[in-house]
Amino acid sequence: MAEYQQVEIEESGAMTIVRFRQSRLSGILELEKLEQELDQVLRGDHHTRLVLDFTPVQFISSELLGKLVAINRQVKARGGVLRLCGMPPRVLDVLLTCRMDTILDIRKDLAEALAAG
């Protein structure tokens, strides 16, 4: 499996769990590197059922919101599923304010994301 700096990857049954390593997902260089790593994960043929675990994250930039929508489109186009989980209250507030919950499947925690099938 490839080495990543911004994320950790774990397989759990049919789901691929992507855990972020940083507490702040912002900054042009960091987001470019994160985007490259997420694209690399998506290129894997078996990575069509993804859970993005935001547990360590305290801040996300608006640029990342757009990337999440794009990732969701890519995964769905391949017949897959994308779930987000572990949102700290401040990050969840941003997503709900932007009505991202109407586009993205947001779950309380990893256990709920995995149990959803």
Protein backbone atom coordinates (compact mmCIF):
# COMPACT_ATOMS: atom_id res chain seq x y z
CA MET A 1 0.00 0.00 0.00
CA ALA A 2 1.23 3.53 -0.78
CA GLU A 3 2.68 5.82 1.88
CA TYR A 4 0.77 9.02 2.59
CA GLN A 5 1.75 12.12 4.56
CA GLN A 6 -1.67 13.77 4.99
CA VAL A 7 -3.86 10.70 5.52
CA GLU A 8 -3.82 7.17 6.93
CA ILE A 9 -5.61 4.40 5.06
CA GLU A 10 -7.22 1.35 6.62
CA GLU A 11 -9.39 -1.36 5.11
CA SER A 12 -12.42 -2.54 7.08
CA GLY A 13 -14.32 -5.16 5.14
CA ALA A 14 -15.50 -3.53 1.92
CA MET A 15 -14.91 -0.02 3.27
CA THR A 16 -11.72 2.03 2.94
CA ILE A 17 -11.24 4.34 5.92
CA VAL A 18 -9.31 7.54 5.29
CA ARG A 19 -8.15 9.26 8.48
CA PHE A 20 -6.73 12.75 8.34
CA ARG A 21 -3.44 13.31 10.18
CA GLN A 22 -3.74 17.09 10.59
CA SER A 23 -6.00 19.12 12.87
CA ARG A 24 -6.20 21.96 10.32
CA LEU A 25 -7.06 21.23 6.72
CA SER A 26 -6.11 24.56 5.21
CA GLY A 27 -3.24 26.27 3.44
CA ILE A 28 -2.59 26.05 -0.27
CA LEU A 29 0.37 23.66 -0.13
CA GLU A 30 -1.23 21.35 2.43
CA LEU A 31 -4.50 21.18 0.48
CA GLU A 32 -2.65 20.47 -2.78
CA LYS A 33 -0.80 17.59 -1.13
CA LEU A 34 -4.03 16.33 0.47
CA GLU A 35 -5.80 16.50 -2.90
CA GLN A 36 -2.99 14.51 -4.55
CA GLU A 37 -3.16 11.83 -1.87
CA LEU A 38 -6.97 11.56 -2.00
CA ASP A 39 -6.80 11.33 -5.80
CA GLN A 40 -4.25 8.54 -5.44
CA VAL A 41 -6.58 6.68 -3.07
CA LEU A 42 -9.48 7.12 -5.50
CA ARG A 43 -7.42 5.74 -8.39
CA GLY A 44 -7.28 2.37 -6.64
CA ASP A 45 -9.83 0.07 -8.28
CA HIS A 46 -11.13 -1.31 -5.00
CA HIS A 47 -11.56 2.07 -3.29
CA THR A 48 -15.21 2.73 -4.14
CA ARG A 49 -16.61 2.56 -0.59
CA LEU A 50 -14.91 5.33 1.38
CA VAL A 51 -15.27 6.72 4.88
CA LEU A 52 -13.45 10.00 5.54
CA ASP A 53 -12.79 10.15 9.28
CA PHE A 54 -12.44 13.75 10.47
CA THR A 55 -11.92 12.90 14.17
CA PRO A 56 -8.61 14.80 14.59
CA VAL A 57 -9.73 17.76 12.46
CA GLN A 58 -10.62 21.06 14.13
CA PHE A 59 -10.66 23.36 11.09
CA ILE A 60 -11.33 22.98 7.36
CA SER A 61 -11.07 25.57 4.65
CA SER A 62 -13.78 26.36 2.14
CA GLU A 63 -11.55 24.93 -0.61
CA LEU A 64 -11.84 21.53 1.02
CA LEU A 65 -15.65 21.71 0.91
CA GLY A 66 -15.47 21.89 -2.88
CA LYS A 67 -13.05 18.97 -2.95
CA LEU A 68 -15.43 16.87 -0.83
CA VAL A 69 -18.24 17.46 -3.33
CA ALA A 70 -15.90 16.49 -6.19
CA ILE A 71 -14.80 13.33 -4.38
CA ASN A 72 -18.43 12.44 -3.75
CA ARG A 73 -19.18 12.81 -7.48
CA GLN A 74 -16.18 10.65 -8.43
CA VAL A 75 -17.09 7.90 -6.00
CA LYS A 76 -20.77 7.87 -7.04
CA ALA A 77 -19.81 7.81 -10.73
CA ARG A 78 -17.96 4.56 -10.01
CA GLY A 79 -21.01 3.12 -8.24
CA GLY A 80 -19.48 3.69 -4.83
CA VAL A 81 -20.32 5.27 -1.50
CA LEU A 82 -18.69 8.15 0.38
CA ARG A 83 -19.38 8.81 4.05
CA LEU A 84 -17.94 11.44 6.37
CA CYS A 85 -17.69 10.87 10.10
CA GLY A 86 -16.13 12.12 13.30
CA MET A 87 -16.92 15.76 12.62
CA PRO A 88 -15.98 18.05 15.49
CA PRO A 89 -18.89 20.40 16.34
CA ARG A 90 -17.29 23.45 14.69
CA VAL A 91 -16.61 21.59 11.46
CA LEU A 92 -20.08 20.03 11.48
CA ASP A 93 -21.62 23.48 11.95
CA VAL A 94 -19.82 24.69 8.80
CA LEU A 95 -21.06 21.70 6.82
CA LEU A 96 -24.64 22.12 8.04
CA THR A 97 -24.59 25.88 7.43
CA CYS A 98 -23.44 25.22 3.86
CA ARG A 99 -26.17 22.55 3.56
CA MET A 100 -23.54 19.95 2.72
CA ASP A 101 -25.64 17.36 4.56
CA THR A 102 -28.00 17.39 1.57
CA ILE A 103 -25.12 16.35 -0.71
CA LEU A 104 -22.84 14.32 1.55
CA ASP A 105 -23.57 11.35 3.80
CA ILE A 106 -22.44 12.62 7.23
CA ARG A 107 -22.41 10.17 10.13
CA LYS A 108 -21.77 10.73 13.84
CA ASP A 109 -18.76 8.43 14.20
CA LEU A 110 -16.80 5.67 12.50
CA ALA A 111 -18.92 2.90 14.00
CA GLU A 112 -22.11 4.44 12.55
CA ALA A 113 -20.45 5.03 9.15
CA LEU A 114 -19.32 1.40 8.94
CA ALA A 115 -22.63 0.00 10.23
CA ALA A 116 -24.56 1.84 7.50
CA GLY A 117 -23.31 -0.80 5.06
